[in-house]
Amino acid sequence: MLHLSEIPLSKTTLVPPIVQDLLQQENLNFKSTADRKLLIAQLQLQYNSLPRNAPVVESIASLLDENTFTVTTGHQLCLFGGPAYFIYKIVSAISAARIYSQKYPDKNFVPVFWMASEDHDFEEVNHLYLFGKKIQWQREAKGAVGRLSTAGLDALLEEIKVLTGDSEVLTILRNAAKEKNLADFTRHFLHHLFGNQGLVVIDADDAALKNSFSAVITNEFKEKIGKIEVDKTNAVLQEKYKLQVHPREINFFYLDENIRERFTENDGRNWEQLLLDSPEKFSPNVIYRPLYQEYILPNVAYVGGPNELAYWFQLKGVFAAHHIAFPQLLLRDSFLVINSNQRKVMSSLNLCLEDLFLSAEQLKAQYMQGKSELLDSSYFQQLENLFAQIKSAAIKVDGSLEGAVEAEKAKALKQIEALMGRIKKAEKVRHEIDLNKIDKIKAQLFPEGVFQERRVNFLEFYAKYGNAYFEALFLNANPLNTCLKVLEEE
């Protein structure tokens, strides 16, 4: 039902060239600081309330083996997944784990989804878009979003049902909405959606895991390693591309119920005693979250989006200073879904896939150039040639007539230019239907100017294609093949 076409990233506007250049050749580092027994124990506690799923049970148990490593992706806890690339990141991590398992048969690879449950920007995660409609979770929210109650999600799911119809996935979401908080909801949702693929979901908002990270936290508070190292790297990278993150003096938040606020030098807190008593109250910011992840997981590769990977490149010095292995960075798969009607419109307009990344105005100009009855330059050139002949003859008769000829030529050129403007305007009216089609297809594939996968929720595609949508994703995902994957309806 959905077949694959591919576009080189260089022919799209999805990934800055500098990020493509910085993606390193495959170089998996199999050294790890992970406390495997502790990791398994905490994962088992986190999964305690969920039904046993053999692939997940096997994935978690395998982490005890020194030859088992993880391939990780992560994201904020967006409402019901938020934009479709939330799902594409997970599919990419699962795909990468499979590929590595084939390339390194003496090792095992487990796909992991890292829940950014400690993020506190509720406005970034409280909505999704379906069929052009914004569905928003209206509620008061403070502190870590993963700790928010799921109250109110049922009503939103009924609103979604009206748009998509009922489905197996909506049943999964309804059952997940019975969990106590958004982190448990997300684990439940992903466990039932991707558990059969062996995906392990981890919530790092965990006292025992943070306690194991205490030495790194201590070094940050005492030596300000994050700021020192990132500032050094930024001084080099800022000449090449736009910096994504900037360090602070202390790169941790204080986390408590309904609170996530920055630690500062003079905030009055005794951080050393607090770290001994309550390590769960230390929450890494964007600088240290990647280090925390790589410290507690036996991770060899991280799958992220272009802007995300851009800031990972800023952190290499911090990793080195803490003697934590830096992972292979993989660019997540990008997918564009084109239905049969959209494909027909593209064919009728003679648009190729690469054309979609031109602006609507550029596409219209390109279309009109092919349809125009006028060859502007030839008309003007003919006029120039005619007046050159007239001027030559006039000068032979009376040299003072040269100015008069030039004045008449200027008038004629101006009149012809105005006439051509009227003809072009008439041509646009004549082709108005097709020009409107260009606007429409751009709005569908780039809603409000945003690329489809960064705006539209996956439920929109699932409503149309059902499980065939996921089958097509898994069949074609490969983050080691960096190109745009276009899924076209047959």
Protein backbone atom coordinates (compact mmCIF):
# COMPACT_ATOMS: atom_id res chain seq x y z
CA MET A 1 0.00 0.00 0.00
CA LEU A 2 2.91 2.36 0.77
CA HIS A 3 6.04 2.12 -1.34
CA LEU A 4 9.39 3.84 -0.82
CA SER A 5 11.14 6.61 -2.69
CA GLU A 6 14.28 8.31 -1.38
CA ILE A 7 15.63 11.84 -1.59
CA PRO A 8 19.23 12.75 -0.67
CA LEU A 9 19.22 15.09 2.31
CA SER A 10 21.27 17.56 0.29
CA LYS A 11 18.20 18.11 -1.90
CA THR A 12 15.98 18.94 1.06
CA THR A 13 15.98 21.64 3.71
CA LEU A 14 15.72 19.19 6.63
CA VAL A 15 19.30 18.95 7.86
CA PRO A 16 21.90 21.74 8.01
CA PRO A 17 24.95 20.76 5.90
CA ILE A 18 27.25 21.17 8.91
CA VAL A 19 25.37 18.43 10.79
CA GLN A 20 25.71 16.10 7.82
CA ASP A 21 29.43 16.86 7.75
CA LEU A 22 29.87 16.23 11.48
CA LEU A 23 28.21 12.81 11.46
CA GLN A 24 31.14 10.50 11.98
CA GLN A 25 31.95 7.23 10.32
CA GLU A 26 30.82 4.19 12.26
CA ASN A 27 32.97 3.88 15.37
CA LEU A 28 31.13 2.04 18.12
CA ASN A 29 32.76 2.32 21.54
CA PHE A 30 32.02 -0.78 23.58
CA LYS A 31 33.40 0.60 26.86
CA SER A 32 30.74 1.29 29.48
CA THR A 33 30.39 2.79 32.95
CA ALA A 34 26.95 1.21 33.47
CA ASP A 35 26.14 -0.64 36.67
CA ARG A 36 24.26 -3.40 34.89
CA LYS A 37 22.78 -5.03 37.99
CA LEU A 38 21.43 -1.71 39.24
CA LEU A 39 20.06 -0.84 35.80
CA ILE A 40 18.20 -4.15 35.51
CA ALA A 41 16.83 -3.87 39.04
CA GLN A 42 15.42 -0.39 38.42
CA LEU A 43 13.98 -1.32 35.03
CA GLN A 44 12.23 -4.31 36.56
CA LEU A 45 10.71 -2.04 39.19
CA GLN A 46 9.55 0.41 36.53
CA TYR A 47 7.94 -2.40 34.54
CA ASN A 48 6.42 -4.07 37.57
CA SER A 49 2.81 -2.99 36.85
CA LEU A 50 2.88 -3.80 33.14
CA PRO A 51 1.97 -7.18 31.61
CA ARG A 52 4.96 -9.39 30.85
CA ASN A 53 6.12 -9.19 27.29
CA ALA A 54 8.67 -11.83 26.29
CA PRO A 55 10.81 -9.60 24.00
CA VAL A 56 10.98 -6.85 26.65
CA VAL A 57 11.74 -9.34 29.45
CA GLU A 58 14.50 -10.78 27.28
CA SER A 59 15.87 -7.31 26.44
CA ILE A 60 16.09 -6.30 30.09
CA ALA A 61 17.60 -9.61 31.22
CA SER A 62 20.20 -9.49 28.43
CA LEU A 63 21.60 -6.24 29.82
CA LEU A 64 23.44 -8.27 32.46
CA ASP A 65 25.62 -9.72 29.68
CA GLU A 66 28.79 -7.69 29.13
CA ASN A 67 28.30 -8.22 25.39
CA THR A 68 24.89 -6.53 25.38
CA PHE A 69 24.68 -2.85 24.51
CA THR A 70 21.92 -0.34 23.96
CA VAL A 71 20.90 1.88 21.06
CA THR A 72 19.02 4.80 22.54
CA THR A 73 16.71 7.55 21.47
CA GLY A 74 14.69 9.88 23.65
CA HIS A 75 12.19 12.68 23.62
CA GLN A 76 9.89 14.86 25.64
CA LEU A 77 6.62 13.28 26.79
CA CYS A 78 4.56 14.89 24.04
CA LEU A 79 0.79 14.44 24.20
CA PHE A 80 0.02 11.04 22.57
CA GLY A 81 3.40 11.22 20.85
CA GLY A 82 3.04 14.77 19.53
CA PRO A 83 4.54 15.16 16.04
CA ALA A 84 5.11 11.98 14.01
CA TYR A 85 8.88 12.12 14.29
CA PHE A 86 8.45 11.02 17.94
CA ILE A 87 7.47 7.63 16.50
CA TYR A 88 10.11 7.79 13.77
CA LYS A 89 12.87 8.18 16.37
CA ILE A 90 11.76 4.99 18.10
CA VAL A 91 11.45 3.05 14.85
CA SER A 92 14.93 4.29 13.90
CA ALA A 93 16.45 3.08 17.19
CA ILE A 94 14.83 -0.35 16.79
CA SER A 95 16.08 -0.53 13.20
CA ALA A 96 19.63 0.47 14.19
CA ALA A 97 19.71 -2.18 16.94
CA ARG A 98 18.74 -4.81 14.36
CA ILE A 99 21.37 -3.67 11.89
CA TYR A 100 24.11 -3.68 14.53
CA SER A 101 23.05 -7.15 15.68
CA GLN A 102 23.65 -8.39 12.14
CA LYS A 103 26.96 -6.56 11.76
CA TYR A 104 28.29 -7.67 15.16
CA PRO A 105 26.96 -11.22 15.68
CA ASP A 106 29.04 -11.72 18.85
CA LYS A 107 27.14 -8.87 20.57
CA ASN A 108 23.53 -8.08 21.46
CA PHE A 109 21.83 -4.71 20.98
CA VAL A 110 18.75 -3.50 22.82
CA PRO A 111 16.68 -0.51 21.62
CA VAL A 112 15.91 1.95 24.42
CA PHE A 113 13.58 4.94 24.65
CA TRP A 114 14.70 7.50 27.23
CA MET A 115 11.74 9.43 28.60
CA ALA A 116 12.54 13.09 29.18
CA SER A 117 10.18 12.93 32.13
CA GLU A 118 11.94 15.67 34.09
CA ASP A 119 11.43 18.42 31.52
CA HIS A 120 9.21 21.15 32.89
CA ASP A 121 8.08 23.02 29.77
CA PHE A 122 4.46 21.84 29.66
CA GLU A 123 3.63 24.22 26.81
CA GLU A 124 5.92 22.24 24.52
CA VAL A 125 4.22 18.89 25.17
CA ASN A 126 0.55 19.66 25.85
CA HIS A 127 -0.82 19.52 22.30
CA LEU A 128 -0.91 17.68 19.00
CA TYR A 129 -2.24 18.32 15.49
CA LEU A 130 -4.65 16.01 13.67
CA PHE A 131 -6.22 16.80 10.29
CA GLY A 132 -5.36 20.46 10.76
CA LYS A 133 -6.94 20.68 14.22
CA LYS A 134 -4.99 21.47 17.36
CA ILE A 135 -5.91 19.28 20.32
CA GLN A 136 -4.64 20.71 23.59
CA TRP A 137 -4.49 19.46 27.16
CA GLN A 138 -5.80 22.37 29.21
CA ARG A 139 -4.63 22.19 32.81
CA GLU A 140 -2.38 23.79 35.39
CA ALA A 141 1.09 22.27 35.35
CA LYS A 142 4.24 22.86 37.39
CA GLY A 143 7.42 20.88 37.80
CA ALA A 144 8.45 17.75 35.92
CA VAL A 145 5.91 16.81 33.26
CA GLY A 146 6.43 13.09 33.88
CA ARG A 147 4.91 13.47 37.34
CA LEU A 148 1.71 15.11 36.07
CA SER A 149 -1.56 13.30 36.72
CA THR A 150 -3.25 11.79 33.66
CA ALA A 151 -6.59 13.36 34.64
CA GLY A 152 -8.26 14.78 31.54
CA LEU A 153 -6.63 12.53 28.94
CA ASP A 154 -9.81 10.44 28.51
CA ALA A 155 -11.74 13.45 27.28
CA LEU A 156 -9.02 14.27 24.75
CA LEU A 157 -9.08 10.71 23.45
CA GLU A 158 -12.80 11.00 22.79
CA GLU A 159 -12.09 14.16 20.84
CA ILE A 160 -9.49 12.27 18.81
CA LYS A 161 -11.91 9.40 18.21
CA VAL A 162 -14.25 11.80 16.40
CA LEU A 163 -11.44 12.66 13.98
CA THR A 164 -9.82 9.26 13.46
CA GLY A 165 -12.48 6.70 14.31
CA ASP A 166 -11.87 3.99 16.85
CA SER A 167 -8.80 1.77 16.53
CA GLU A 168 -6.49 -0.63 18.30
CA VAL A 169 -4.08 2.18 19.05
CA LEU A 170 -6.81 4.31 20.65
CA THR A 171 -7.64 1.34 22.89
CA ILE A 172 -3.99 1.22 23.94
CA LEU A 173 -4.07 4.95 24.70
CA ARG A 174 -7.29 4.62 26.73
CA ASN A 175 -5.76 1.89 28.86
CA ALA A 176 -2.56 3.92 29.25
CA ALA A 177 -4.65 6.88 30.46
CA LYS A 178 -5.53 4.80 33.55
CA GLU A 179 -1.93 5.11 34.75
CA LYS A 180 -1.25 7.61 37.50
CA ASN A 181 1.11 10.01 35.73
CA LEU A 182 2.37 11.00 32.29
CA ALA A 183 5.61 9.01 32.60
CA ASP A 184 3.71 5.80 33.41
CA PHE A 185 1.26 6.61 30.62
CA THR A 186 4.09 6.95 28.08
CA ARG A 187 5.77 3.72 29.21
CA HIS A 188 2.44 1.85 28.98
CA PHE A 189 1.66 3.32 25.56
CA LEU A 190 5.07 2.49 24.09
CA HIS A 191 5.23 -0.93 25.76
CA HIS A 192 2.04 -1.99 24.01
CA LEU A 193 2.97 -0.35 20.73
CA PHE A 194 6.61 -1.47 20.46
CA GLY A 195 7.15 -4.07 23.17
CA ASN A 196 7.06 -6.87 20.61
CA GLN A 197 10.10 -5.22 19.04
CA GLY A 198 12.00 -5.53 22.33
CA LEU A 199 11.92 -1.79 23.06
CA VAL A 200 12.84 -0.89 26.64
CA VAL A 201 11.49 2.38 28.05
CA ILE A 202 13.46 3.97 30.88
CA ASP A 203 12.51 6.73 33.30
CA ALA A 204 15.68 8.30 34.68
CA ASP A 205 13.70 10.21 37.32
CA ASP A 206 14.91 7.52 39.71
CA ALA A 207 16.68 7.97 43.06
CA ALA A 208 18.88 4.87 42.75
CA LEU A 209 20.05 5.70 39.24
CA LYS A 210 20.80 9.30 40.21
CA ASN A 211 22.66 8.14 43.30
CA SER A 212 24.97 6.15 41.02
CA PHE A 213 25.64 9.39 39.13
CA SER A 214 26.59 11.29 42.32
CA ALA A 215 30.30 11.50 41.59
CA VAL A 216 29.65 13.25 38.27
CA ILE A 217 27.19 15.64 39.93
CA THR A 218 29.75 16.45 42.62
CA ASN A 219 32.43 17.22 40.03
CA GLU A 220 30.06 19.57 38.21
CA PHE A 221 29.23 21.53 41.37
CA LYS A 222 32.84 21.76 42.51
CA GLU A 223 34.71 22.24 39.23
CA LYS A 224 32.12 23.74 36.81
CA ILE A 225 33.24 21.25 34.16
CA GLY A 226 30.15 21.71 32.02
CA LYS A 227 30.67 25.42 31.46
CA ILE A 228 34.43 25.18 31.02
CA GLU A 229 34.34 22.42 28.43
CA VAL A 230 31.30 23.55 26.45
CA ASP A 231 32.61 27.11 26.28
CA LYS A 232 35.86 25.79 24.79
CA THR A 233 34.01 23.71 22.21
CA ASN A 234 31.60 26.53 21.40
CA ALA A 235 34.49 28.86 20.65
CA VAL A 236 35.51 26.50 17.84
CA LEU A 237 32.07 25.49 16.55
CA GLN A 238 30.46 28.93 16.55
CA GLU A 239 32.38 29.81 13.41
CA LYS A 240 30.82 26.84 11.58
CA TYR A 241 27.19 26.64 12.67
CA LYS A 242 24.55 28.04 14.97
CA LEU A 243 25.10 26.90 18.54
CA GLN A 244 22.17 25.00 20.05
CA VAL A 245 23.01 25.15 23.76
CA HIS A 246 24.88 27.43 26.14
CA PRO A 247 26.15 26.21 29.52
CA ARG A 248 25.44 27.69 32.92
CA GLU A 249 27.68 27.89 35.96
CA ILE A 250 25.82 24.88 37.40
CA ASN A 251 24.06 22.63 34.92
CA PHE A 252 21.54 20.97 37.22
CA PHE A 253 18.03 21.78 38.37
CA TYR A 254 16.56 21.32 41.82
CA LEU A 255 13.63 18.93 41.41
CA ASP A 256 10.77 18.46 43.86
CA GLU A 257 7.01 18.15 43.71
CA ASN A 258 5.71 20.88 41.38
CA ILE A 259 9.19 22.45 41.26
CA ARG A 260 12.07 22.34 38.82
CA GLU A 261 14.33 25.35 39.24
CA ARG A 262 18.00 26.04 38.62
CA PHE A 263 20.66 25.49 41.21
CA THR A 264 22.73 28.65 41.61
CA GLU A 265 25.81 29.54 43.60
CA ASN A 266 23.89 31.53 46.21
CA ASP A 267 20.54 29.75 46.45
CA GLY A 268 21.09 28.82 50.11
CA ARG A 269 20.92 25.07 49.52
CA ASN A 270 23.52 22.73 50.99
CA TRP A 271 23.91 20.70 47.81
CA GLU A 272 26.40 18.23 49.30
CA GLN A 273 24.05 17.17 52.10
CA LEU A 274 21.10 17.21 49.71
CA LEU A 275 22.97 14.91 47.34
CA LEU A 276 23.62 12.46 50.16
CA ASP A 277 20.03 12.54 51.41
CA SER A 278 17.99 13.03 48.24
CA PRO A 279 19.87 12.43 44.97
CA GLU A 280 16.51 12.28 43.15
CA LYS A 281 16.24 16.06 43.65
CA PHE A 282 19.08 16.67 41.20
CA SER A 283 17.87 16.98 37.62
CA PRO A 284 20.38 17.41 34.77
CA ASN A 285 19.84 20.15 32.23
CA VAL A 286 20.49 19.85 28.51
CA ILE A 287 24.27 19.72 29.09
CA TYR A 288 24.27 16.81 31.53
CA ARG A 289 21.23 14.82 30.47
CA PRO A 290 23.22 13.09 27.68
CA LEU A 291 26.04 12.30 30.11
CA TYR A 292 23.59 10.85 32.64
CA GLN A 293 22.13 8.67 29.92
CA GLU A 294 25.49 7.39 28.72
CA TYR A 295 26.68 6.83 32.29
CA ILE A 296 23.84 4.55 33.38
CA LEU A 297 23.31 2.73 30.07
CA PRO A 298 25.78 0.49 28.21
CA ASN A 299 25.04 2.63 25.18
CA VAL A 300 26.90 2.64 21.88
CA ALA A 301 24.68 4.82 19.67
CA TYR A 302 22.22 7.67 20.09
CA VAL A 303 19.52 8.36 17.51
CA GLY A 304 18.43 11.98 17.31
CA GLY A 305 17.09 14.72 15.09
CA PRO A 306 19.33 17.27 13.31
CA ASN A 307 19.13 20.03 15.93
CA GLU A 308 19.48 17.49 18.71
CA LEU A 309 22.65 16.01 17.26
CA ALA A 310 23.99 19.50 16.73
CA TYR A 311 24.09 20.11 20.49
CA TRP A 312 25.53 16.65 21.19
CA PHE A 313 28.55 17.74 19.16
CA GLN A 314 29.00 20.57 21.65
CA LEU A 315 29.37 18.11 24.54
CA LYS A 316 32.38 16.01 23.53
CA GLY A 317 34.69 17.89 25.88
CA VAL A 318 32.39 17.30 28.86
CA PHE A 319 32.26 13.58 28.10
CA ALA A 320 36.04 13.42 27.87
CA ALA A 321 36.54 15.35 31.12
CA HIS A 322 34.31 12.87 32.98
CA HIS A 323 35.82 9.83 31.21
CA ILE A 324 32.43 8.78 29.83
CA ALA A 325 32.37 7.18 26.38
CA PHE A 326 30.84 9.34 23.67
CA PRO A 327 28.35 7.38 21.54
CA GLN A 328 28.00 6.97 17.81
CA LEU A 329 25.51 9.62 16.67
CA LEU A 330 22.84 8.54 14.20
CA LEU A 331 20.45 10.84 12.40
CA ARG A 332 16.91 9.58 12.89
CA ASP A 333 14.92 8.55 9.86
CA SER A 334 12.73 11.22 8.31
CA PHE A 335 9.55 10.10 6.57
CA LEU A 336 7.17 11.95 4.29
CA VAL A 337 3.80 10.28 3.68
CA ILE A 338 2.12 11.13 0.37
CA ASN A 339 -1.37 9.81 -0.32
CA SER A 340 -2.71 8.84 -3.73
CA ASN A 341 -4.60 12.12 -4.26
CA GLN A 342 -1.51 14.15 -3.48
CA ARG A 343 0.52 11.98 -5.84
CA LYS A 344 -2.01 12.62 -8.65
CA VAL A 345 -1.84 16.36 -8.06
CA MET A 346 1.94 16.28 -8.18
CA SER A 347 1.83 14.35 -11.47
CA SER A 348 -0.65 16.77 -13.01
CA LEU A 349 1.65 19.66 -12.09
CA ASN A 350 4.81 17.83 -13.21
CA LEU A 351 6.26 18.14 -9.69
CA CYS A 352 9.03 15.80 -8.63
CA LEU A 353 9.72 15.00 -4.97
CA GLU A 354 12.65 17.42 -4.72
CA ASP A 355 10.38 20.25 -5.95
CA LEU A 356 8.38 19.99 -2.73
CA PHE A 357 11.19 21.71 -0.86
CA LEU A 358 10.87 24.84 -2.97
CA SER A 359 8.58 27.58 -1.68
CA ALA A 360 5.05 27.87 -3.06
CA GLU A 361 6.06 31.05 -4.90
CA GLN A 362 9.06 29.32 -6.46
CA LEU A 363 6.88 26.42 -7.55
CA LYS A 364 4.34 28.79 -9.08
CA ALA A 365 7.04 30.67 -10.97
CA GLN A 366 8.46 27.36 -12.20
CA TYR A 367 5.01 26.19 -13.27
CA MET A 368 4.18 29.45 -15.08
CA GLN A 369 7.50 29.44 -16.86
CA GLY A 370 6.52 26.18 -18.47
CA LYS A 371 3.03 27.41 -19.35
CA SER A 372 3.74 30.96 -20.48
CA GLU A 373 3.13 31.90 -24.09
CA LEU A 374 5.71 34.68 -23.76
CA LEU A 375 9.46 34.47 -24.08
CA ASP A 376 10.25 37.78 -22.40
CA SER A 377 13.88 38.13 -23.38
CA SER A 378 13.22 37.41 -27.08
CA TYR A 379 10.54 40.12 -27.39
CA PHE A 380 12.73 42.74 -25.78
CA GLN A 381 15.72 41.68 -27.83
CA GLN A 382 13.72 41.96 -31.05
CA LEU A 383 12.66 45.47 -30.03
CA GLU A 384 16.26 46.40 -29.21
CA ASN A 385 17.37 45.13 -32.64
CA LEU A 386 14.57 47.05 -34.41
CA PHE A 387 15.44 50.36 -32.74
CA ALA A 388 19.14 49.79 -33.42
CA GLN A 389 18.34 49.60 -37.12
CA ILE A 390 16.10 52.70 -36.92
CA LYS A 391 18.75 54.63 -35.02
CA SER A 392 21.42 53.71 -37.54
CA ALA A 393 19.25 54.93 -40.44
CA ALA A 394 18.21 58.12 -38.60
CA ILE A 395 21.78 59.09 -37.76
CA LYS A 396 22.75 58.81 -41.41
CA VAL A 397 20.03 61.33 -42.22
CA ASP A 398 20.50 63.64 -39.21
CA GLY A 399 22.78 62.93 -36.23
CA SER A 400 20.57 65.01 -33.92
CA LEU A 401 17.78 62.41 -34.26
CA GLU A 402 19.67 59.87 -32.08
CA GLY A 403 18.18 61.24 -28.86
CA ALA A 404 14.65 61.15 -30.26
CA VAL A 405 15.07 57.51 -31.30
CA GLU A 406 16.35 56.57 -27.83
CA ALA A 407 13.39 58.34 -26.19
CA GLU A 408 10.92 56.50 -28.39
CA LYS A 409 12.67 53.22 -27.65
CA ALA A 410 12.37 53.83 -23.90
CA LYS A 411 8.64 54.56 -24.31
CA ALA A 412 8.13 51.45 -26.42
CA LEU A 413 10.00 49.23 -23.96
CA LYS A 414 7.94 50.59 -21.09
CA GLN A 415 4.69 50.01 -22.98
CA ILE A 416 5.70 46.46 -23.94
CA GLU A 417 6.71 45.74 -20.33
CA ALA A 418 3.31 46.95 -19.10
CA LEU A 419 1.54 44.91 -21.78
CA MET A 420 3.46 41.79 -20.83
CA GLY A 421 2.54 42.35 -17.20
CA ARG A 422 -1.13 42.35 -18.20
CA ILE A 423 -0.64 39.19 -20.27
CA LYS A 424 1.11 37.44 -17.35
CA LYS A 425 -1.68 38.44 -15.01
CA ALA A 426 -4.20 37.03 -17.45
CA GLU A 427 -2.18 33.81 -17.67
CA LYS A 428 -2.25 33.44 -13.89
CA VAL A 429 -6.02 33.80 -13.94
CA ARG A 430 -6.16 31.22 -16.72
CA HIS A 431 -4.07 28.78 -14.62
CA GLU A 432 -5.54 29.79 -11.25
CA ILE A 433 -6.85 26.29 -10.51
CA ASP A 434 -3.42 24.71 -10.88
CA LEU A 435 -1.72 27.51 -8.93
CA ASN A 436 -4.20 26.94 -6.11
CA LYS A 437 -3.31 23.24 -6.21
CA ILE A 438 0.30 24.19 -5.55
CA ASP A 439 -0.74 26.18 -2.48
CA LYS A 440 -2.89 23.30 -1.30
CA ILE A 441 -0.31 20.55 -1.61
CA LYS A 442 2.34 22.70 0.06
CA ALA A 443 -0.08 23.35 2.93
CA GLN A 444 -0.78 19.62 3.26
CA LEU A 445 2.85 18.49 3.26
CA PHE A 446 4.18 21.57 5.06
CA PRO A 447 1.25 22.62 7.30
CA GLU A 448 1.75 26.25 8.35
CA GLY A 449 5.20 26.04 6.79
CA VAL A 450 6.34 23.15 9.02
CA PHE A 451 7.51 19.86 7.52
CA GLN A 452 4.83 17.18 7.87
CA GLU A 453 6.62 14.93 10.38
CA ARG A 454 7.30 17.87 12.69
CA ARG A 455 3.64 18.83 12.87
CA VAL A 456 1.21 15.99 12.19
CA ASN A 457 0.56 13.29 14.79
CA PHE A 458 1.07 9.68 13.70
CA LEU A 459 -2.59 8.87 14.41
CA GLU A 460 -3.53 10.74 11.23
CA PHE A 461 -1.60 8.22 9.15
CA TYR A 462 -2.67 5.26 11.26
CA ALA A 463 -6.31 6.25 10.75
CA LYS A 464 -5.83 5.89 6.98
CA TYR A 465 -3.43 2.97 6.66
CA GLY A 466 -3.76 1.04 9.93
CA ASN A 467 -0.94 -1.38 10.75
CA ALA A 468 0.35 -1.07 7.17
CA TYR A 469 1.72 2.32 8.25
CA PHE A 470 3.93 0.76 10.94
CA GLU A 471 4.88 -2.09 8.61
CA ALA A 472 6.09 0.42 6.03
CA LEU A 473 8.07 2.32 8.67
CA PHE A 474 9.86 -0.79 9.92
CA LEU A 475 10.43 -2.12 6.42
CA ASN A 476 12.14 1.08 5.29
CA ALA A 477 13.72 2.58 8.41
CA ASN A 478 17.51 2.70 8.44
CA PRO A 479 19.21 5.59 10.24
CA LEU A 480 22.54 4.45 8.82
CA ASN A 481 21.17 5.44 5.41
CA THR A 482 20.78 9.20 5.77
CA CYS A 483 18.16 10.26 3.27
CA LEU A 484 14.53 11.31 3.33
CA LYS A 485 12.26 8.29 3.03
CA VAL A 486 9.07 9.09 1.09
CA LEU A 487 6.17 6.66 1.58
CA GLU A 488 3.83 7.00 -1.37
CA GLU A 489 0.40 5.40 -1.49
CA GLU A 490 0.06 3.09 -4.44
